[in-house]
C-alpha atoms as a PDB file:
ATOM      1  CA  MET A   1      -7.824  22.555  16.848  1.00  0.00           C
ATOM      2  CA  ARG A   2      -4.802  24.320  17.591  1.00  0.00           C
ATOM      3  CA  GLN A   3      -4.591  23.177  21.229  1.00  0.00           C
ATOM      4  CA  VAL A   4      -4.539  19.627  19.601  1.00  0.00           C
ATOM      5  CA  LEU A   5      -1.601  20.580  17.603  1.00  0.00           C
ATOM      6  CA  LEU A   6       0.129  22.077  20.783  1.00  0.00           C
ATOM      7  CA  ALA A   7      -0.803  18.408  22.519  1.00  0.00           C
ATOM      8  CA  LEU A   8       1.236  16.894  19.735  1.00  0.00           C
ATOM      9  CA  MET A   9       4.490  18.766  20.262  1.00  0.00           C
ATOM     10  CA  PRO A  10       5.876  16.233  22.949  1.00  0.00           C
ATOM     11  CA  ALA A  11       5.299  13.583  20.568  1.00  0.00           C
ATOM     12  CA  LEU A  12       6.761  15.292  18.011  1.00  0.00           C
ATOM     13  CA  PHE A  13       9.968  16.326  19.915  1.00  0.00           C
ATOM     14  CA  THR A  14      10.299  12.603  21.009  1.00  0.00           C
ATOM     15  CA  SER A  15       9.650  11.081  17.719  1.00  0.00           C
ATOM     16  CA  VAL A  16      12.466  13.539  16.397  1.00  0.00           C
ATOM     17  CA  VAL A  17      14.806  12.432  19.084  1.00  0.00           C
ATOM     18  CA  LEU A  18      14.116   8.587  18.283  1.00  0.00           C
ATOM     19  CA  PHE A  19      13.524   8.268  14.736  1.00  0.00           C
ATOM     20  CA  GLY A  20      15.538  11.247  13.152  1.00  0.00           C
ATOM     21  CA  CYS A  21      14.442  14.527  11.189  1.00  0.00           C
ATOM     22  CA  GLY A  22      12.708  12.630   8.654  1.00  0.00           C
ATOM     23  CA  VAL A  23       9.318  12.951  10.841  1.00  0.00           C
ATOM     24  CA  LEU A  24       9.694  16.833  10.489  1.00  0.00           C
ATOM     25  CA  VAL A  25      10.445  16.557   6.667  1.00  0.00           C
ATOM     26  CA  HIS A  26       6.975  14.129   6.325  1.00  0.00           C
ATOM     27  CA  LEU A  27       5.066  16.751   8.728  1.00  0.00           C
ATOM     28  CA  THR A  28       5.960  19.706   6.055  1.00  0.00           C
ATOM     29  CA  ILE A  29       5.146  17.635   3.037  1.00  0.00           C
ATOM     30  CA  ALA A  30       1.755  16.622   4.799  1.00  0.00           C
ATOM     31  CA  VAL A  31       0.846  20.045   5.695  1.00  0.00           C
ATOM     32  CA  SER A  32       1.850  21.599   2.404  1.00  0.00           C
ATOM     33  CA  THR A  33      -0.269  18.867   0.766  1.00  0.00           C
ATOM     34  CA  ALA A  34      -3.196  19.030   2.676  1.00  0.00           C
ATOM     35  CA  VAL A  35      -3.558  22.916   2.867  1.00  0.00           C
ATOM     36  CA  LEU A  36      -3.104  23.000  -1.012  1.00  0.00           C
ATOM     37  CA  LEU A  37      -5.804  20.416  -1.534  1.00  0.00           C
ATOM     38  CA  GLU A  38      -8.253  21.741   0.736  1.00  0.00           C
ATOM     39  CA  ALA A  39      -8.074  25.001  -0.871  1.00  0.00           C
ATOM     40  CA  LEU A  40      -8.505  23.597  -3.979  1.00  0.00           C
ATOM     41  CA  ALA A  41     -11.336  21.365  -2.778  1.00  0.00           C
ATOM     42  CA  LEU A  42     -13.381  24.513  -1.329  1.00  0.00           C
ATOM     43  CA  ARG A  43     -12.699  26.728  -4.166  1.00  0.00           C
ATOM     44  CA  TRP A  44     -13.894  23.739  -6.602  1.00  0.00           C
ATOM     45  CA  ARG A  45     -16.826  23.379  -4.436  1.00  0.00           C
ATOM     46  CA  ASN A  46     -17.579  27.396  -4.363  1.00  0.00           C
ATOM     47  CA  ILE A  47     -17.077  27.664  -0.361  1.00  0.00           C
ATOM     48  CA  ALA A  48     -14.980  30.600   1.094  1.00  0.00           C
ATOM     49  CA  VAL A  49     -11.205  29.380   1.550  1.00  0.00           C
ATOM     50  CA  ARG A  50      -9.927  31.581   4.210  1.00  0.00           C
ATOM     51  CA  PRO A  51     -12.408  30.605   6.921  1.00  0.00           C
ATOM     52  CA  HIS A  52     -12.298  26.795   6.594  1.00  0.00           C
ATOM     53  CA  LEU A  53      -8.692  26.917   6.548  1.00  0.00           C
ATOM     54  CA  ALA A  54      -8.477  29.082   9.601  1.00  0.00           C
ATOM     55  CA  ASP A  55     -10.126  26.236  11.724  1.00  0.00           C
ATOM     56  CA  SER A  56      -6.813  24.288  11.401  1.00  0.00           C
ATOM     57  CA  SER A  57      -8.694  20.942  11.333  1.00  0.00           C
ATOM     58  CA  VAL A  58      -6.887  20.006   8.400  1.00  0.00           C
ATOM     59  CA  LEU A  59      -3.515  20.797   9.895  1.00  0.00           C
ATOM     60  CA  VAL A  60      -4.655  17.771  12.646  1.00  0.00           C
ATOM     61  CA  LEU A  61      -5.385  15.568   9.668  1.00  0.00           C
ATOM     62  CA  ALA A  62      -1.846  16.072   7.992  1.00  0.00           C
ATOM     63  CA  SER A  63      -0.200  15.595  11.403  1.00  0.00           C
ATOM     64  CA  LEU A  64      -2.009  12.503  12.175  1.00  0.00           C
ATOM     65  CA  ILE A  65      -0.778  11.275   8.702  1.00  0.00           C
ATOM     66  CA  ALA A  66       2.487  12.419   9.127  1.00  0.00           C
ATOM     67  CA  PHE A  67       2.728  10.599  12.398  1.00  0.00           C
ATOM     68  CA  ALA A  68       1.493   7.285  10.839  1.00  0.00           C
ATOM     69  CA  VAL A  69       4.042   7.122   7.878  1.00  0.00           C
ATOM     70  CA  PRO A  70       7.591   5.815   8.520  1.00  0.00           C
ATOM     71  CA  PRO A  71      10.092   8.936   8.725  1.00  0.00           C
ATOM     72  CA  TYR A  72      12.066   7.691   5.729  1.00  0.00           C
ATOM     73  CA  ALA A  73       9.672   6.633   3.407  1.00  0.00           C
ATOM     74  CA  PRO A  74       9.321   8.278  -0.054  1.00  0.00           C
ATOM     75  CA  TRP A  75       7.497  11.525  -0.173  1.00  0.00           C
ATOM     76  CA  TRP A  76       4.847  10.457  -2.398  1.00  0.00           C
ATOM     77  CA  ILE A  77       3.842   8.099   0.128  1.00  0.00           C
ATOM     78  CA  THR A  78       2.609  10.875   2.367  1.00  0.00           C
ATOM     79  CA  VAL A  79       1.384  13.059  -0.549  1.00  0.00           C
ATOM     80  CA  VAL A  80      -0.949  10.206  -1.645  1.00  0.00           C
ATOM     81  CA  GLY A  81      -2.113   9.649   1.792  1.00  0.00           C
ATOM     82  CA  VAL A  82      -3.026  13.164   2.443  1.00  0.00           C
ATOM     83  CA  ALA A  83      -4.868  13.529  -0.750  1.00  0.00           C
ATOM     84  CA  VAL A  84      -6.986  10.405  -0.129  1.00  0.00           C
ATOM     85  CA  ALA A  85      -7.628  11.486   3.067  1.00  0.00           C
ATOM     86  CA  VAL A  86      -8.701  15.132   2.480  1.00  0.00           C
ATOM     87  CA  LEU A  87     -10.349  14.584  -0.874  1.00  0.00           C
ATOM     88  CA  ILE A  88     -12.038  11.099  -0.300  1.00  0.00           C
ATOM     89  CA  GLY A  89     -12.233  10.701   3.503  1.00  0.00           C
ATOM     90  CA  LYS A  90     -13.465  14.442   4.156  1.00  0.00           C
ATOM     91  CA  HIS A  91     -14.635  16.396   0.971  1.00  0.00           C
ATOM     92  CA  ALA A  92     -16.497  13.506  -0.658  1.00  0.00           C
ATOM     93  CA  PHE A  93     -18.819  13.022   1.975  1.00  0.00           C
ATOM     94  CA  GLY A  94     -19.458  17.009   2.300  1.00  0.00           C
ATOM     95  CA  GLY A  95     -16.335  18.264   4.207  1.00  0.00           C
ATOM     96  CA  LEU A  96     -16.004  18.737   7.901  1.00  0.00           C
ATOM     97  CA  GLY A  97     -19.230  17.902  10.039  1.00  0.00           C
ATOM     98  CA  TYR A  98     -20.409  15.563   7.409  1.00  0.00           C
ATOM     99  CA  ASN A  99     -17.664  13.006   6.582  1.00  0.00           C
ATOM    100  CA  ILE A 100     -18.622   9.394   8.158  1.00  0.00           C
ATOM    101  CA  PHE A 101     -15.273   8.053   8.593  1.00  0.00           C
ATOM    102  CA  ASN A 102     -12.246   9.645  10.331  1.00  0.00           C
ATOM    103  CA  PRO A 103     -10.340  11.195   7.158  1.00  0.00           C
ATOM    104  CA  ALA A 104      -6.799  10.377   8.477  1.00  0.00           C
ATOM    105  CA  MET A 105      -7.603   6.918   8.886  1.00  0.00           C
ATOM    106  CA  VAL A 106      -9.021   6.380   5.491  1.00  0.00           C
ATOM    107  CA  GLY A 107      -5.799   7.801   4.188  1.00  0.00           C
ATOM    108  CA  TYR A 108      -3.569   5.537   6.145  1.00  0.00           C
ATOM    109  CA  ILE A 109      -5.697   2.395   5.267  1.00  0.00           C
ATOM    110  CA  PHE A 110      -5.310   3.210   1.606  1.00  0.00           C
ATOM    111  CA  LEU A 111      -1.632   3.222   2.262  1.00  0.00           C
ATOM    112  CA  LEU A 112      -1.426   0.357   4.255  1.00  0.00           C
ATOM    113  CA  LEU A 113      -3.409  -1.864   1.777  1.00  0.00           C
ATOM    114  CA  CYS A 114      -1.754  -0.464  -1.250  1.00  0.00           C
ATOM    115  CA  PHE A 115       1.660  -0.159  -0.104  1.00  0.00           C
ATOM    116  CA  PRO A 116       2.184  -2.640   3.127  1.00  0.00           C
ATOM    117  CA  TYR A 117       5.860  -2.816   2.661  1.00  0.00           C
ATOM    118  CA  ILE A 118       6.727   0.451   2.560  1.00  0.00           C
ATOM    119  CA  LEU A 119       4.586   1.291   5.570  1.00  0.00           C
ATOM    120  CA  ASN A 120       6.586  -1.388   7.637  1.00  0.00           C
ATOM    121  CA  GLN A 121      10.014   0.145   7.033  1.00  0.00           C
ATOM    122  CA  TRP A 122      10.575   1.978  10.489  1.00  0.00           C
ATOM    123  CA  PRO A 123      14.233   2.858  11.435  1.00  0.00           C
ATOM    124  CA  SER A 124      15.607  -0.277  13.209  1.00  0.00           C
ATOM    125  CA  VAL A 125      15.569   0.256  16.896  1.00  0.00           C
ATOM    126  CA  SER A 126      19.075  -1.543  16.922  1.00  0.00           C
ATOM    127  CA  SER A 127      20.659   0.354  14.500  1.00  0.00           C
ATOM    128  CA  PRO A 128      22.971   3.023  15.396  1.00  0.00           C
ATOM    129  CA  ASN A 129      22.256   4.735  12.155  1.00  0.00           C
ATOM    130  CA  GLY A 130      18.678   5.065  13.103  1.00  0.00           C
ATOM    131  CA  PHE A 131      18.920   8.853  13.688  1.00  0.00           C
ATOM    132  CA  ARG A 132      19.315  11.188  10.737  1.00  0.00           C
ATOM    133  CA  GLY A 133      20.108  14.749  10.192  1.00  0.00           C
ATOM    134  CA  LEU A 134      17.955  17.166   8.058  1.00  0.00           C
ATOM    135  CA  ILE A 135      20.053  16.996   5.152  1.00  0.00           C
ATOM    136  CA  ASP A 136      20.322  13.261   5.224  1.00  0.00           C
ATOM    137  CA  SER A 137      16.573  13.133   5.887  1.00  0.00           C
ATOM    138  CA  VAL A 138      15.591  14.929   2.700  1.00  0.00           C
ATOM    139  CA  THR A 139      18.062  13.052   0.672  1.00  0.00           C
ATOM    140  CA  LEU A 140      16.663   9.781   1.701  1.00  0.00           C
ATOM    141  CA  ILE A 141      12.998  10.806   1.583  1.00  0.00           C
ATOM    142  CA  PHE A 142      13.363  12.615  -1.828  1.00  0.00           C
ATOM    143  CA  PHE A 143      16.207  10.809  -3.842  1.00  0.00           C
ATOM    144  CA  ASN A 144      17.453   7.601  -2.043  1.00  0.00           C
ATOM    145  CA  THR A 145      15.095   5.830   0.048  1.00  0.00           C
ATOM    146  CA  PRO A 146      16.465   2.082  -0.841  1.00  0.00           C
ATOM    147  CA  ASP A 147      19.399   3.248   0.975  1.00  0.00           C
ATOM    148  CA  LEU A 148      17.855   3.181   4.304  1.00  0.00           C
ATOM    149  CA  ILE A 149      15.712   0.092   3.450  1.00  0.00           C
ATOM    150  CA  ASP A 150      18.722  -1.873   2.926  1.00  0.00           C
ATOM    151  CA  GLY A 151      19.984  -3.040   6.266  1.00  0.00           C
ATOM    152  CA  ARG A 152      18.998   0.071   8.325  1.00  0.00           C
ATOM    153  CA  SER A 153      15.309  -0.602   8.430  1.00  0.00           C
ATOM    154  CA  GLY A 154      12.714  -2.944   9.683  1.00  0.00           C
ATOM    155  CA  ALA A 155       9.287  -3.993  10.698  1.00  0.00           C
ATOM    156  CA  THR A 156       7.293  -2.243  13.681  1.00  0.00           C
ATOM    157  CA  VAL A 157       7.405  -3.916  16.900  1.00  0.00           C
ATOM    158  CA  LEU A 158       3.869  -5.226  16.655  1.00  0.00           C
ATOM    159  CA  ASP A 159       4.722  -6.931  13.353  1.00  0.00           C
ATOM    160  CA  HIS A 160       7.893  -8.534  14.798  1.00  0.00           C
ATOM    161  CA  VAL A 161       6.038  -9.893  17.558  1.00  0.00           C
ATOM    162  CA  LYS A 162       3.079 -11.304  15.044  1.00  0.00           C
ATOM    163  CA  THR A 163       5.863 -12.839  12.932  1.00  0.00           C
ATOM    164  CA  GLN A 164       7.231 -14.457  15.863  1.00  0.00           C
ATOM    165  CA  ALA A 165       3.902 -15.932  17.054  1.00  0.00           C
ATOM    166  CA  THR A 166       3.605 -17.553  13.646  1.00  0.00           C
ATOM    167  CA  LEU A 167       6.956 -19.181  14.116  1.00  0.00           C
ATOM    168  CA  MET A 168       5.343 -20.433  17.541  1.00  0.00           C
ATOM    169  CA  ARG A 169       7.744 -18.395  19.620  1.00  0.00           C
ATOM    170  CA  MET A 170       6.649 -18.154  23.203  1.00  0.00           C
ATOM    171  CA  THR A 171       6.371 -14.570  24.757  1.00  0.00           C
ATOM    172  CA  SER A 172       9.061 -15.507  27.370  1.00  0.00           C
ATOM    173  CA  GLU A 173      11.422 -16.062  23.980  1.00  0.00           C
ATOM    174  CA  MET A 174      10.496 -12.771  22.488  1.00  0.00           C
ATOM    175  CA  ASP A 175      11.343 -10.699  25.571  1.00  0.00           C
ATOM    176  CA  LEU A 176      14.992 -11.528  24.805  1.00  0.00           C
ATOM    177  CA  SER A 177      14.701  -9.359  21.682  1.00  0.00           C
ATOM    178  CA  THR A 178      16.222  -6.072  21.221  1.00  0.00           C
ATOM    179  CA  VAL A 179      13.311  -4.500  19.780  1.00  0.00           C
ATOM    180  CA  LEU A 180      11.313  -4.891  23.111  1.00  0.00           C
ATOM    181  CA  GLY A 181      11.636  -2.381  25.694  1.00  0.00           C
ATOM    182  CA  ALA A 182      10.909  -2.329  29.669  1.00  0.00           C
ATOM    183  CA  VAL A 183       7.178  -2.008  29.121  1.00  0.00           C
ATOM    184  CA  GLY A 184       6.244  -1.864  25.247  1.00  0.00           C
ATOM    185  CA  GLY A 185       8.341  -1.817  22.014  1.00  0.00           C
ATOM    186  CA  ARG A 186      11.533  -0.343  22.266  1.00  0.00           C
ATOM    187  CA  LYS A 187      11.457   3.495  21.469  1.00  0.00           C
ATOM    188  CA  TRP A 188       7.864   3.029  20.819  1.00  0.00           C
ATOM    189  CA  GLU A 189       7.026   2.998  24.352  1.00  0.00           C
ATOM    190  CA  TRP A 190       8.389   6.631  24.759  1.00  0.00           C
ATOM    191  CA  VAL A 191       6.664   7.829  21.825  1.00  0.00           C
ATOM    192  CA  ASN A 192       3.160   6.575  23.510  1.00  0.00           C
ATOM    193  CA  LEU A 193       4.174   8.289  26.620  1.00  0.00           C
ATOM    194  CA  ALA A 194       4.439  11.347  24.796  1.00  0.00           C
ATOM    195  CA  PHE A 195       1.186  11.126  23.240  1.00  0.00           C
ATOM    196  CA  LEU A 196      -0.358  10.064  27.061  1.00  0.00           C
ATOM    197  CA  VAL A 197       1.124  13.468  28.147  1.00  0.00           C
ATOM    198  CA  GLY A 198      -0.403  15.694  25.123  1.00  0.00           C
ATOM    199  CA  GLY A 199      -3.730  13.792  25.712  1.00  0.00           C
ATOM    200  CA  ALA A 200      -3.733  14.130  29.708  1.00  0.00           C
ATOM    201  CA  TRP A 201      -3.273  17.529  28.966  1.00  0.00           C
ATOM    202  CA  LEU A 202      -6.330  17.836  26.526  1.00  0.00           C
ATOM    203  CA  MET A 203      -8.582  16.413  29.166  1.00  0.00           C
ATOM    204  CA  TRP A 204      -7.162  18.794  31.602  1.00  0.00           C
ATOM    205  CA  GLN A 205      -8.013  21.711  29.326  1.00  0.00           C
ATOM    206  CA  LYS A 206     -11.489  20.159  28.499  1.00  0.00           C
ATOM    207  CA  VAL A 207     -10.726  20.023  25.226  1.00  0.00           C
ATOM    208  CA  ILE A 208     -11.932  16.410  24.790  1.00  0.00           C
ATOM    209  CA  ARG A 209     -14.135  14.290  27.116  1.00  0.00           C
ATOM    210  CA  TRP A 210     -12.799  11.332  29.288  1.00  0.00           C
ATOM    211  CA  HIS A 211     -15.212   8.915  27.922  1.00  0.00           C
ATOM    212  CA  LEU A 212     -14.026   7.992  24.496  1.00  0.00           C
ATOM    213  CA  PRO A 213     -10.021   7.448  25.684  1.00  0.00           C
ATOM    214  CA  ALA A 214     -11.146   5.816  28.741  1.00  0.00           C
ATOM    215  CA  GLY A 215     -13.644   3.440  26.855  1.00  0.00           C
ATOM    216  CA  PHE A 216     -10.467   2.737  24.287  1.00  0.00           C
ATOM    217  CA  LEU A 217      -8.019   2.139  26.804  1.00  0.00           C
ATOM    218  CA  LEU A 218     -10.746  -0.222  28.865  1.00  0.00           C
ATOM    219  CA  GLY A 219     -11.591  -2.403  26.322  1.00  0.00           C
ATOM    220  CA  LEU A 220      -8.021  -2.698  25.086  1.00  0.00           C
ATOM    221  CA  GLY A 221      -6.777  -3.377  28.799  1.00  0.00           C
ATOM    222  CA  VAL A 222      -9.544  -5.677  29.745  1.00  0.00           C
ATOM    223  CA  ALA A 223      -8.875  -7.956  26.595  1.00  0.00           C
ATOM    224  CA  ALA A 224      -5.406  -8.109  27.246  1.00  0.00           C
ATOM    225  CA  VAL A 225      -5.769  -9.214  30.988  1.00  0.00           C
ATOM    226  CA  PHE A 226      -7.830 -12.045  30.037  1.00  0.00           C
ATOM    227  CA  GLY A 227      -5.610 -12.842  27.150  1.00  0.00           C
ATOM    228  CA  THR A 228      -2.524 -13.205  29.524  1.00  0.00           C
ATOM    229  CA  VAL A 229      -4.501 -14.838  31.904  1.00  0.00           C
ATOM    230  CA  ALA A 230      -5.734 -17.417  29.516  1.00  0.00           C
ATOM    231  CA  ASP A 231      -2.104 -18.159  28.165  1.00  0.00           C
ATOM    232  CA  PRO A 232       0.715 -15.755  29.075  1.00  0.00           C
ATOM    233  CA  GLU A 233       3.053 -17.551  26.814  1.00  0.00           C
ATOM    234  CA  LEU A 234       0.748 -16.902  23.847  1.00  0.00           C
ATOM    235  CA  HIS A 235      -0.956 -13.513  24.609  1.00  0.00           C
ATOM    236  CA  ARG A 236       1.292 -10.293  25.573  1.00  0.00           C
ATOM    237  CA  GLY A 237      -0.012  -8.212  28.398  1.00  0.00           C
ATOM    238  CA  LEU A 238      -1.587  -4.949  29.193  1.00  0.00           C
ATOM    239  CA  GLY A 239       1.602  -2.867  29.276  1.00  0.00           C
ATOM    240  CA  PHE A 240       2.815  -4.224  25.771  1.00  0.00           C
ATOM    241  CA  HIS A 241      -0.481  -3.285  24.482  1.00  0.00           C
ATOM    242  CA  TYR A 242      -0.836   0.233  25.780  1.00  0.00           C
ATOM    243  CA  PHE A 243       3.064   1.181  24.826  1.00  0.00           C
ATOM    244  CA  SER A 244       3.383  -0.201  21.632  1.00  0.00           C
ATOM    245  CA  GLY A 245       2.114   0.677  17.887  1.00  0.00           C
ATOM    246  CA  ALA A 246      -0.390   3.701  17.532  1.00  0.00           C
ATOM    247  CA  THR A 247      -2.278   3.053  21.114  1.00  0.00           C
ATOM    248  CA  MET A 248      -2.094   6.487  22.698  1.00  0.00           C
ATOM    249  CA  ILE A 249      -2.317   8.598  19.846  1.00  0.00           C
ATOM    250  CA  ALA A 250      -5.428   6.564  19.039  1.00  0.00           C
ATOM    251  CA  ALA A 251      -6.831   6.926  22.528  1.00  0.00           C
ATOM    252  CA  PHE A 252      -6.450  10.871  22.725  1.00  0.00           C
ATOM    253  CA  PHE A 253      -6.154  12.234  18.989  1.00  0.00           C
ATOM    254  CA  ILE A 254      -8.075   9.978  16.892  1.00  0.00           C
ATOM    255  CA  VAL A 255     -10.800   8.203  18.588  1.00  0.00           C
ATOM    256  CA  THR A 256     -11.923  11.396  20.269  1.00  0.00           C
ATOM    257  CA  ASP A 257     -12.697  13.066  16.452  1.00  0.00           C
ATOM    258  CA  PRO A 258     -16.027  14.948  17.518  1.00  0.00           C
ATOM    259  CA  VAL A 259     -17.532  14.331  14.154  1.00  0.00           C
ATOM    260  CA  THR A 260     -16.801  10.505  13.649  1.00  0.00           C
ATOM    261  CA  SER A 261     -17.387   9.278  17.119  1.00  0.00           C
ATOM    262  CA  ALA A 262     -20.453   8.629  19.249  1.00  0.00           C
ATOM    263  CA  THR A 263     -21.888  11.663  21.030  1.00  0.00           C
ATOM    264  CA  THR A 264     -23.900  10.669  24.071  1.00  0.00           C
ATOM    265  CA  GLN A 265     -21.959   9.762  27.268  1.00  0.00           C
ATOM    266  CA  ARG A 266     -22.808   6.245  27.351  1.00  0.00           C
ATOM    267  CA  GLY A 267     -22.338   6.074  23.614  1.00  0.00           C
ATOM    268  CA  MET A 268     -18.658   7.452  23.904  1.00  0.00           C
ATOM    269  CA  LEU A 269     -17.644   4.641  26.252  1.00  0.00           C
ATOM    270  CA  LEU A 270     -19.168   2.043  23.963  1.00  0.00           C
ATOM    271  CA  PHE A 271     -17.548   3.323  21.089  1.00  0.00           C
ATOM    272  CA  GLY A 272     -14.303   3.485  22.804  1.00  0.00           C
ATOM    273  CA  VAL A 273     -14.650   0.096  24.402  1.00  0.00           C
ATOM    274  CA  GLY A 274     -15.805  -1.224  20.642  1.00  0.00           C
ATOM    275  CA  VAL A 275     -12.520   0.379  19.330  1.00  0.00           C
ATOM    276  CA  GLY A 276      -9.993  -0.950  22.050  1.00  0.00           C
ATOM    277  CA  LEU A 277     -11.619  -4.701  21.724  1.00  0.00           C
ATOM    278  CA  SER A 278     -11.578  -5.074  18.430  1.00  0.00           C
ATOM    279  CA  THR A 279      -8.108  -3.571  18.213  1.00  0.00           C
ATOM    280  CA  TYR A 280      -6.899  -6.349  20.547  1.00  0.00           C
ATOM    281  CA  LEU A 281      -8.529  -8.879  18.411  1.00  0.00           C
ATOM    282  CA  ILE A 282      -6.813  -7.793  15.323  1.00  0.00           C
ATOM    283  CA  ARG A 283      -3.371  -7.583  16.964  1.00  0.00           C
ATOM    284  CA  GLU A 284      -3.621 -10.860  18.584  1.00  0.00           C
ATOM    285  CA  PHE A 285      -5.617 -12.804  15.752  1.00  0.00           C
ATOM    286  CA  GLY A 286      -5.832 -10.813  12.671  1.00  0.00           C
ATOM    287  CA  SER A 287      -3.427 -10.555   9.704  1.00  0.00           C
ATOM    288  CA  TYR A 288      -2.254  -6.615  10.664  1.00  0.00           C
ATOM    289  CA  PRO A 289       0.042  -6.088  13.220  1.00  0.00           C
ATOM    290  CA  ASP A 290      -1.657  -3.222  14.923  1.00  0.00           C
ATOM    291  CA  GLY A 291      -5.613  -2.882  13.653  1.00  0.00           C
ATOM    292  CA  VAL A 292      -6.001   0.439  15.220  1.00  0.00           C
ATOM    293  CA  ALA A 293      -7.146   2.341  11.820  1.00  0.00           C
ATOM    294  CA  PHE A 294      -9.491  -0.558  10.847  1.00  0.00           C
ATOM    295  CA  SER A 295     -10.964  -0.550  14.124  1.00  0.00           C
ATOM    296  CA  ILE A 296     -11.867   2.811  14.211  1.00  0.00           C
ATOM    297  CA  VAL A 297     -13.276   3.282  10.695  1.00  0.00           C
ATOM    298  CA  MET A 298     -15.409  -0.095  11.745  1.00  0.00           C
ATOM    299  CA  MET A 299     -16.702   2.016  14.693  1.00  0.00           C
ATOM    300  CA  ASN A 300     -17.168   5.085  12.734  1.00  0.00           C
ATOM    301  CA  GLY A 301     -19.945   3.110  10.818  1.00  0.00           C
ATOM    302  CA  CYS A 302     -21.640   2.141  14.156  1.00  0.00           C
ATOM    303  CA  ALA A 303     -21.551   5.374  15.576  1.00  0.00           C
ATOM    304  CA  PRO A 304     -24.978   6.440  14.271  1.00  0.00           C
ATOM    305  CA  LEU A 305     -26.663   3.382  15.787  1.00  0.00           C
ATOM    306  CA  ILE A 306     -24.761   3.476  19.205  1.00  0.00           C
ATOM    307  CA  ASP A 307     -26.181   7.168  19.225  1.00  0.00           C
ATOM    308  CA  ARG A 308     -29.563   6.177  18.903  1.00  0.00           C
ATOM    309  CA  LEU A 309     -29.392   3.375  21.194  1.00  0.00           C
ATOM    310  CA  THR A 310     -27.973   5.326  23.861  1.00  0.00           C
ATOM    311  CA  GLN A 311     -29.935   8.726  23.780  1.00  0.00           C
ATOM    312  CA  PRO A 312     -30.981   9.753  27.030  1.00  0.00           C
ATOM    313  CA  ARG A 313     -35.003   9.635  27.907  1.00  0.00           C
ATOM    314  CA  LEU A 314     -36.704  12.943  28.081  1.00  0.00           C
ATOM    315  CA  TYR A 315     -37.908  14.138  31.673  1.00  0.00           C
ATOM    316  CA  GLY A 316     -41.178  12.623  32.388  1.00  0.00           C
ATOM    317  CA  SER A 317     -41.373  10.455  29.371  1.00  0.00           C
ATOM    318  CA  SER A 318     -40.844   6.894  29.490  1.00  0.00           C
ATOM    319  CA  GLU A 319     -39.755   6.890  25.933  1.00  0.00           C
ATOM    320  CA  LYS A 320     -36.336   7.462  24.504  1.00  0.00           C
ATOM    321  CA  ARG A 321     -35.865  10.282  22.145  1.00  0.00           C
ATOM    322  CA  THR A 322     -35.366   9.371  18.331  1.00  0.00           C
END
């Protein structure tokens, strides 16, 4: 878990440079809330607190929530998301190792369903006031968030593209927008690249196996290629889907959760492909701009079945293990 936290550092640095110090403020709020609630839940369940806090898993959970929350959202958004993730997504199922669904995604989906407007208020990519220092960030997050929302923030790149598609705008017309970068979403392509660097380091260190991220990127990529071939004016290509939204953090830091994903080699590939394919379908045809969180939770529920169907055969036996 500490290596996972270390692998998140490139994305943290990139996010601060591009979006301001609000990322650090929300990370501090998320970590503090997660450690406090984890300790209270463990004590209430009569479980030793220190050994379970020492594994740092709750710090990874808090970090994922902090990255998912807009940098200048009100402080209570992060508190609520972390509380739902820790208490319901994790401990309601029995704690680490027993949770069916990825706890961070449970918390994020709760926020997305309950507070969709706030969750879409990211710093405007075209605003010169997008970056704010630590003092301004604390002031906005704790005391004056509407000041940011009024004229200094906007929807995510994926939300912008989906809105433009409902207005029957073609991809060639959208390419003229300032919210799009060279490959994916402006600024978001650099954040995704930072997550890719961290994820590649985790694979090199053999902290995560390649099957899950490869399956996810394969499923998303193949679907994007087919969509582009079918109609390039209606469906955006592979580069956009890889370097916009939560693609790379999902591929290397969420899909790879060892508790809630498939465990066999073939199963991990199928699990990843399922998440990638459903993410593309939600992005292109669903109501929500990204869809990564919904896809992961849906495939979490399928993981036991996938493991059962992909168990390797016993040596010298014609039947699969049960």
